[in-house]
Structure formats: structure tokens, C-alpha cells
Amino acid sequence: MANKRQGISVALPLTLDNTDGPYRLNKNLGQVVRQNFKNLLLTSPGERIMIPTFGVGLKRVLFENFSSRTRERIVSSIQEQIDDFMPFIEIQKISFSTNEDDKNIALNELRIRIEYEVSTINFSDTLEFTEEITT
């Protein structure tokens, strides 16, 4: 019998994978943390049944007019959600880039980069979201 590494949870989005069984699996805690953190950031408040306060709603924010006030609101919302739902995550840096900062970015594009770590499992990672802002 082959020594297959056990999975911790189903990886999202669901992907057929005969290696792990019917679906691809997360095989370490870092993958699980990354997946759950990404879900926290992309879920809009009110979207999760029975937990209406869950979620940052980052996709919705990417389509707003971007200002320093918007930036502050995003950072504050991310920190509040982490404190409430994933307190083991430590944000190292949140950075925003637009065409004004980087000419390689399209005129109507916003990038959000979040560097974080989970010291209890010696894991650090970066999530980056890019979205074109339509006018």
C-alpha cells in the first residue's frame, strides 16, 4: 500500500485530484491558514450564514474610489476581522499600489498586498489581490 500523505482539509476551490481522493487536499497547516485567511478577506459581511459579521468584503472595496480614507478603512477592517476570527495571524505589512505608485499597473487597477505570519507554526506568507477598477 502506498504511503499517501494525509490531508487536513479540502482545498478550495474544489479541484478533482486522484492523488488525494476525489478532491485536492490541504496537507499542512500553512495551506489551511492561507485558505481560511483568503476566505475571511473575500467574504462580504452578511454573506456567511449564522455569522453576519464575518468577512472583510475586499472584492467590494476594490471597486470603490480609492483614497487615504479608503485605505485606512480597509486596514482597520482587516485587523478587526483577524482579531475576531483568526487571532493567531500577525499582520506584518499591508501595502496598496496604484498607477501613481507603479507605472506597470494599469490606470484603473488597485493592488493590495498583505504580508502575515503565524508564529505558532513558524509560517509566513503573502496574499496579493489585484482588481481592475471599472469606471
N, C-alpha and C. Protein backbone atom coordinates (compact mmCIF):
# COMPACT_ATOMS: atom_id res chain seq x y z
N MET A 1 0.84 -1.17 0.00
CA MET A 1 0.00 0.00 0.00
C MET A 1 0.89 1.24 0.00
N ALA A 2 0.60 2.18 -0.87
CA ALA A 2 1.40 3.40 -0.97
C ALA A 2 1.22 4.25 0.27
N ASN A 3 2.28 4.91 0.68
CA ASN A 3 2.24 5.79 1.83
C ASN A 3 1.79 7.17 1.39
N LYS A 4 0.48 7.40 1.37
CA LYS A 4 -0.05 8.69 0.96
C LYS A 4 -0.08 9.62 2.16
N ARG A 5 0.30 10.85 1.92
CA ARG A 5 0.26 11.85 2.97
C ARG A 5 -1.19 12.23 3.21
N GLN A 6 -1.60 12.27 4.45
CA GLN A 6 -2.98 12.57 4.78
C GLN A 6 -3.27 14.06 4.61
N GLY A 7 -4.47 14.36 4.20
CA GLY A 7 -4.89 15.74 4.07
C GLY A 7 -5.54 16.23 5.35
N ILE A 8 -5.49 17.55 5.54
CA ILE A 8 -6.10 18.18 6.71
C ILE A 8 -7.51 18.63 6.38
N SER A 9 -7.67 19.20 5.19
CA SER A 9 -8.98 19.69 4.76
C SER A 9 -9.03 19.74 3.25
N VAL A 10 -10.23 19.88 2.73
CA VAL A 10 -10.40 20.00 1.28
C VAL A 10 -9.88 21.36 0.85
N ALA A 11 -9.10 21.39 -0.22
CA ALA A 11 -8.58 22.65 -0.76
C ALA A 11 -9.67 23.31 -1.62
N LEU A 12 -9.77 24.61 -1.48
CA LEU A 12 -10.73 25.38 -2.27
C LEU A 12 -10.01 26.23 -3.28
N PRO A 13 -10.54 26.41 -4.45
CA PRO A 13 -11.79 25.85 -4.95
C PRO A 13 -11.64 24.34 -5.15
N LEU A 14 -12.77 23.64 -5.11
CA LEU A 14 -12.75 22.19 -5.28
C LEU A 14 -12.14 21.84 -6.62
N THR A 15 -11.17 20.94 -6.59
CA THR A 15 -10.49 20.51 -7.80
C THR A 15 -10.38 18.99 -7.77
N LEU A 16 -10.82 18.34 -8.83
CA LEU A 16 -10.68 16.89 -8.90
C LEU A 16 -9.20 16.53 -8.90
N ASP A 17 -8.86 15.53 -8.09
CA ASP A 17 -7.46 15.13 -7.96
C ASP A 17 -7.41 13.68 -7.49
N ASN A 18 -7.03 12.79 -8.35
CA ASN A 18 -6.99 11.37 -8.00
C ASN A 18 -5.87 11.03 -7.02
N THR A 19 -4.92 11.93 -6.83
CA THR A 19 -3.83 11.69 -5.89
C THR A 19 -4.34 11.61 -4.47
N ASP A 20 -5.22 12.56 -4.11
CA ASP A 20 -5.71 12.67 -2.74
C ASP A 20 -7.05 11.98 -2.52
N GLY A 21 -7.67 11.52 -3.55
CA GLY A 21 -9.04 11.02 -3.47
C GLY A 21 -9.82 11.79 -4.51
N PRO A 22 -11.09 12.03 -4.26
CA PRO A 22 -11.85 12.73 -5.29
C PRO A 22 -11.43 14.20 -5.45
N TYR A 23 -10.95 14.84 -4.38
CA TYR A 23 -10.60 16.26 -4.44
C TYR A 23 -9.20 16.49 -3.88
N ARG A 24 -8.61 17.62 -4.33
CA ARG A 24 -7.30 18.03 -3.83
C ARG A 24 -7.45 18.43 -2.36
N LEU A 25 -6.44 18.10 -1.56
CA LEU A 25 -6.49 18.39 -0.12
C LEU A 25 -5.36 19.32 0.30
N ASN A 26 -5.62 20.09 1.36
CA ASN A 26 -4.56 20.85 2.03
C ASN A 26 -3.81 19.85 2.89
N LYS A 27 -2.48 19.89 2.80
CA LYS A 27 -1.70 18.87 3.51
C LYS A 27 -0.87 19.42 4.66
N ASN A 28 -0.92 20.74 4.88
CA ASN A 28 -0.21 21.28 6.04
C ASN A 28 -0.99 22.47 6.59
N LEU A 29 -0.66 22.86 7.80
CA LEU A 29 -1.40 23.95 8.46
C LEU A 29 -1.24 25.28 7.74
N GLY A 30 -0.10 25.51 7.12
CA GLY A 30 0.11 26.75 6.36
C GLY A 30 -0.89 26.89 5.24
N GLN A 31 -1.15 25.80 4.52
CA GLN A 31 -2.14 25.84 3.44
C GLN A 31 -3.54 26.11 3.98
N VAL A 32 -3.86 25.54 5.12
CA VAL A 32 -5.18 25.75 5.73
C VAL A 32 -5.33 27.21 6.17
N VAL A 33 -4.29 27.75 6.81
CA VAL A 33 -4.33 29.15 7.25
C VAL A 33 -4.49 30.07 6.05
N ARG A 34 -3.72 29.86 5.01
CA ARG A 34 -3.81 30.70 3.80
C ARG A 34 -5.22 30.66 3.21
N GLN A 35 -5.78 29.46 3.09
CA GLN A 35 -7.12 29.32 2.53
C GLN A 35 -8.16 30.02 3.40
N ASN A 36 -8.10 29.82 4.71
CA ASN A 36 -9.08 30.43 5.61
C ASN A 36 -8.93 31.95 5.66
N PHE A 37 -7.69 32.44 5.62
CA PHE A 37 -7.46 33.89 5.63
C PHE A 37 -7.99 34.51 4.34
N LYS A 38 -7.74 33.87 3.23
CA LYS A 38 -8.25 34.36 1.95
C LYS A 38 -9.78 34.40 1.97
N ASN A 39 -10.41 33.37 2.52
CA ASN A 39 -11.87 33.36 2.65
C ASN A 39 -12.36 34.51 3.52
N LEU A 40 -11.66 34.77 4.62
CA LEU A 40 -12.03 35.88 5.51
C LEU A 40 -11.96 37.21 4.77
N LEU A 41 -10.93 37.39 3.96
CA LEU A 41 -10.74 38.65 3.25
C LEU A 41 -11.77 38.85 2.13
N LEU A 42 -12.13 37.79 1.43
CA LEU A 42 -13.01 37.90 0.27
C LEU A 42 -14.49 37.79 0.59
N THR A 43 -14.84 37.21 1.74
CA THR A 43 -16.25 37.09 2.12
C THR A 43 -16.79 38.45 2.52
N SER A 44 -17.95 38.79 2.01
CA SER A 44 -18.60 40.06 2.36
C SER A 44 -19.39 39.89 3.65
N PRO A 45 -19.40 40.91 4.51
CA PRO A 45 -20.22 40.84 5.72
C PRO A 45 -21.67 40.53 5.34
N GLY A 46 -22.28 39.60 6.08
CA GLY A 46 -23.64 39.18 5.80
C GLY A 46 -23.74 38.00 4.85
N GLU A 47 -22.65 37.65 4.21
CA GLU A 47 -22.65 36.55 3.24
C GLU A 47 -22.64 35.18 3.93
N ARG A 48 -21.98 35.07 5.07
CA ARG A 48 -21.88 33.79 5.76
C ARG A 48 -23.10 33.60 6.67
N ILE A 49 -23.78 32.50 6.47
CA ILE A 49 -24.98 32.19 7.25
C ILE A 49 -24.61 32.01 8.72
N MET A 50 -25.40 32.58 9.60
CA MET A 50 -25.27 32.48 11.06
C MET A 50 -24.09 33.29 11.63
N ILE A 51 -23.25 33.87 10.78
CA ILE A 51 -22.16 34.73 11.27
C ILE A 51 -22.17 36.00 10.41
N PRO A 52 -23.13 36.89 10.61
CA PRO A 52 -23.27 38.05 9.72
C PRO A 52 -22.12 39.05 9.79
N THR A 53 -21.33 39.00 10.84
CA THR A 53 -20.22 39.95 10.96
C THR A 53 -18.93 39.43 10.34
N PHE A 54 -18.95 38.20 9.83
CA PHE A 54 -17.75 37.57 9.28
C PHE A 54 -17.43 38.16 7.91
N GLY A 55 -16.19 38.55 7.72
CA GLY A 55 -15.72 38.93 6.39
C GLY A 55 -15.34 40.39 6.24
N VAL A 56 -14.31 40.61 5.43
CA VAL A 56 -13.83 41.95 5.12
C VAL A 56 -14.56 42.50 3.89
N GLY A 57 -14.87 41.65 2.94
CA GLY A 57 -15.53 42.10 1.71
C GLY A 57 -14.57 42.84 0.79
N LEU A 58 -13.36 42.33 0.68
CA LEU A 58 -12.31 43.00 -0.08
C LEU A 58 -12.66 43.23 -1.54
N LYS A 59 -13.37 42.29 -2.15
CA LYS A 59 -13.74 42.48 -3.56
C LYS A 59 -14.60 43.72 -3.75
N ARG A 60 -15.51 43.94 -2.83
CA ARG A 60 -16.39 45.11 -2.92
C ARG A 60 -15.59 46.41 -2.80
N VAL A 61 -14.61 46.41 -1.93
CA VAL A 61 -13.80 47.60 -1.70
C VAL A 61 -12.94 47.94 -2.91
N LEU A 62 -12.54 46.92 -3.66
CA LEU A 62 -11.68 47.15 -4.81
C LEU A 62 -12.36 47.99 -5.89
N PHE A 63 -13.67 48.11 -5.83
CA PHE A 63 -14.39 48.86 -6.85
C PHE A 63 -14.81 50.25 -6.37
N GLU A 64 -14.36 50.66 -5.20
CA GLU A 64 -14.67 51.99 -4.69
C GLU A 64 -13.60 52.98 -5.14
N ASN A 65 -13.94 54.27 -5.05
CA ASN A 65 -12.92 55.29 -5.29
C ASN A 65 -11.85 55.13 -4.21
N PHE A 66 -10.60 55.14 -4.63
CA PHE A 66 -9.52 54.86 -3.69
C PHE A 66 -8.93 56.16 -3.16
N SER A 67 -8.93 56.29 -1.84
CA SER A 67 -8.38 57.47 -1.17
C SER A 67 -7.68 57.00 0.10
N SER A 68 -7.06 57.94 0.80
CA SER A 68 -6.40 57.57 2.06
C SER A 68 -7.43 57.08 3.08
N ARG A 69 -8.63 57.61 3.01
CA ARG A 69 -9.69 57.17 3.91
C ARG A 69 -10.10 55.72 3.62
N THR A 70 -10.18 55.40 2.34
CA THR A 70 -10.49 54.02 1.94
C THR A 70 -9.40 53.08 2.43
N ARG A 71 -8.17 53.50 2.26
CA ARG A 71 -7.01 52.70 2.71
C ARG A 71 -7.10 52.43 4.21
N GLU A 72 -7.38 53.47 4.99
CA GLU A 72 -7.48 53.32 6.44
C GLU A 72 -8.62 52.37 6.82
N ARG A 73 -9.74 52.49 6.12
CA ARG A 73 -10.90 51.64 6.39
C ARG A 73 -10.59 50.17 6.10
N ILE A 74 -9.88 49.91 5.01
CA ILE A 74 -9.51 48.54 4.65
C ILE A 74 -8.59 47.94 5.71
N VAL A 75 -7.55 48.68 6.08
CA VAL A 75 -6.59 48.19 7.09
C VAL A 75 -7.31 47.92 8.41
N SER A 76 -8.17 48.84 8.81
CA SER A 76 -8.91 48.69 10.06
C SER A 76 -9.84 47.47 10.02
N SER A 77 -10.53 47.29 8.91
CA SER A 77 -11.44 46.16 8.76
C SER A 77 -10.69 44.83 8.79
N ILE A 78 -9.56 44.77 8.10
CA ILE A 78 -8.75 43.54 8.10
C ILE A 78 -8.30 43.21 9.52
N GLN A 79 -7.80 44.21 10.25
CA GLN A 79 -7.31 43.97 11.61
C GLN A 79 -8.44 43.54 12.54
N GLU A 80 -9.60 44.19 12.42
CA GLU A 80 -10.75 43.81 13.26
C GLU A 80 -11.18 42.37 13.00
N GLN A 81 -11.24 41.98 11.73
CA GLN A 81 -11.66 40.63 11.38
C GLN A 81 -10.65 39.59 11.88
N ILE A 82 -9.37 39.90 11.77
CA ILE A 82 -8.35 38.99 12.28
C ILE A 82 -8.48 38.85 13.79
N ASP A 83 -8.65 39.97 14.48
CA ASP A 83 -8.80 39.93 15.94
C ASP A 83 -9.99 39.06 16.35
N ASP A 84 -11.09 39.15 15.59
CA ASP A 84 -12.31 38.41 15.93
C ASP A 84 -12.26 36.94 15.53
N PHE A 85 -11.72 36.64 14.35
CA PHE A 85 -11.88 35.30 13.79
C PHE A 85 -10.58 34.50 13.60
N MET A 86 -9.44 35.18 13.50
CA MET A 86 -8.17 34.47 13.30
C MET A 86 -7.06 35.16 14.11
N PRO A 87 -7.21 35.22 15.43
CA PRO A 87 -6.27 35.99 16.25
C PRO A 87 -4.84 35.49 16.24
N PHE A 88 -4.60 34.32 15.72
CA PHE A 88 -3.25 33.77 15.64
C PHE A 88 -2.45 34.36 14.48
N ILE A 89 -3.09 35.10 13.59
CA ILE A 89 -2.40 35.74 12.47
C ILE A 89 -1.85 37.09 12.91
N GLU A 90 -0.60 37.34 12.57
CA GLU A 90 0.03 38.64 12.85
C GLU A 90 0.33 39.30 11.51
N ILE A 91 -0.29 40.46 11.29
CA ILE A 91 -0.05 41.20 10.05
C ILE A 91 1.31 41.87 10.15
N GLN A 92 2.15 41.65 9.17
CA GLN A 92 3.46 42.30 9.11
C GLN A 92 3.38 43.61 8.33
N LYS A 93 2.63 43.57 7.22
CA LYS A 93 2.56 44.76 6.37
C LYS A 93 1.37 44.64 5.42
N ILE A 94 0.67 45.76 5.23
CA ILE A 94 -0.37 45.85 4.22
C ILE A 94 0.02 47.00 3.31
N SER A 95 0.17 46.72 2.03
CA SER A 95 0.55 47.78 1.10
C SER A 95 -0.44 47.85 -0.06
N PHE A 96 -0.59 49.05 -0.57
CA PHE A 96 -1.50 49.33 -1.67
C PHE A 96 -0.69 49.93 -2.80
N SER A 97 -1.00 49.54 -4.02
CA SER A 97 -0.31 50.10 -5.19
C SER A 97 -1.34 50.49 -6.24
N THR A 98 -1.13 51.64 -6.82
CA THR A 98 -1.94 52.11 -7.94
C THR A 98 -0.99 52.55 -9.04
N ASN A 99 -1.54 53.06 -10.10
CA ASN A 99 -0.73 53.55 -11.22
C ASN A 99 0.18 54.70 -10.79
N GLU A 100 -0.24 55.45 -9.79
CA GLU A 100 0.59 56.56 -9.29
C GLU A 100 1.87 56.04 -8.64
N ASP A 101 1.81 54.84 -8.05
CA ASP A 101 2.96 54.25 -7.37
C ASP A 101 3.84 53.43 -8.30
N ASP A 102 3.21 52.77 -9.26
CA ASP A 102 3.92 51.83 -10.14
C ASP A 102 3.33 51.93 -11.54
N LYS A 103 4.12 52.40 -12.46
CA LYS A 103 3.64 52.61 -13.84
C LYS A 103 3.33 51.31 -14.56
N ASN A 104 3.75 50.16 -14.01
CA ASN A 104 3.41 48.87 -14.60
C ASN A 104 1.98 48.45 -14.30
N ILE A 105 1.35 49.16 -13.38
CA ILE A 105 -0.04 48.88 -13.02
C ILE A 105 -0.94 49.71 -13.93
N ALA A 106 -1.98 49.09 -14.43
CA ALA A 106 -2.92 49.79 -15.32
C ALA A 106 -3.53 50.99 -14.60
N LEU A 107 -3.98 51.95 -15.36
CA LEU A 107 -4.51 53.19 -14.82
C LEU A 107 -5.69 52.95 -13.88
N ASN A 108 -6.49 51.96 -14.17
CA ASN A 108 -7.68 51.69 -13.37
C ASN A 108 -7.54 50.42 -12.52
N GLU A 109 -6.34 50.20 -11.98
CA GLU A 109 -6.07 48.97 -11.23
C GLU A 109 -5.58 49.28 -9.83
N LEU A 110 -5.96 48.44 -8.88
CA LEU A 110 -5.53 48.55 -7.50
C LEU A 110 -4.95 47.21 -7.07
N ARG A 111 -3.81 47.25 -6.39
CA ARG A 111 -3.21 46.03 -5.83
C ARG A 111 -3.13 46.17 -4.32
N ILE A 112 -3.52 45.12 -3.64
CA ILE A 112 -3.40 45.07 -2.18
C ILE A 112 -2.54 43.86 -1.85
N ARG A 113 -1.48 44.11 -1.09
CA ARG A 113 -0.54 43.05 -0.72
C ARG A 113 -0.51 42.96 0.81
N ILE A 114 -0.75 41.75 1.33
CA ILE A 114 -0.81 41.54 2.77
C ILE A 114 0.24 40.50 3.15
N GLU A 115 1.21 40.94 3.94
CA GLU A 115 2.24 40.04 4.45
C GLU A 115 1.87 39.69 5.89
N TYR A 116 1.86 38.40 6.20
CA TYR A 116 1.44 37.97 7.53
C TYR A 116 2.26 36.77 7.98
N GLU A 117 2.14 36.49 9.27
CA GLU A 117 2.82 35.30 9.80
C GLU A 117 2.00 34.68 10.92
N VAL A 118 2.24 33.40 11.12
CA VAL A 118 1.64 32.66 12.23
C VAL A 118 2.82 32.03 12.96
N SER A 119 3.23 32.68 14.04
CA SER A 119 4.46 32.27 14.73
C SER A 119 4.33 30.90 15.39
N THR A 120 3.12 30.52 15.78
CA THR A 120 2.94 29.24 16.47
C THR A 120 3.26 28.04 15.58
N ILE A 121 3.16 28.22 14.26
CA ILE A 121 3.51 27.12 13.35
C ILE A 121 4.68 27.50 12.44
N ASN A 122 5.35 28.62 12.79
CA ASN A 122 6.52 29.08 12.04
C ASN A 122 6.21 29.21 10.54
N PHE A 123 5.15 29.96 10.25
CA PHE A 123 4.66 30.11 8.88
C PHE A 123 4.49 31.58 8.55
N SER A 124 5.01 32.00 7.40
CA SER A 124 4.75 33.36 6.92
C SER A 124 4.41 33.27 5.44
N ASP A 125 3.60 34.21 4.99
CA ASP A 125 3.11 34.17 3.62
C ASP A 125 2.68 35.56 3.19
N THR A 126 2.38 35.69 1.92
CA THR A 126 1.89 36.94 1.35
C THR A 126 0.69 36.64 0.47
N LEU A 127 -0.37 37.41 0.66
CA LEU A 127 -1.53 37.34 -0.22
C LEU A 127 -1.56 38.63 -1.03
N GLU A 128 -1.84 38.51 -2.31
CA GLU A 128 -1.91 39.70 -3.16
C GLU A 128 -3.21 39.66 -3.96
N PHE A 129 -3.93 40.77 -3.93
CA PHE A 129 -5.18 40.90 -4.66
C PHE A 129 -5.02 42.02 -5.66
N THR A 130 -5.41 41.75 -6.89
CA THR A 130 -5.35 42.75 -7.94
C THR A 130 -6.70 42.78 -8.62
N GLU A 131 -7.20 43.96 -8.82
CA GLU A 131 -8.50 44.09 -9.47
C GLU A 131 -8.52 45.37 -10.28
N GLU A 132 -9.09 45.28 -11.45
CA GLU A 132 -9.27 46.48 -12.25
C GLU A 132 -10.49 47.21 -11.74
N ILE A 133 -10.36 48.49 -11.59
CA ILE A 133 -11.45 49.33 -11.14
C ILE A 133 -12.15 49.87 -12.37
N THR A 134 -13.38 49.47 -12.59
CA THR A 134 -14.10 49.92 -13.79
C THR A 134 -14.75 51.26 -13.54
N THR A 135 -14.84 52.05 -14.59
CA THR A 135 -15.46 53.38 -14.44
C THR A 135 -16.81 53.41 -15.10
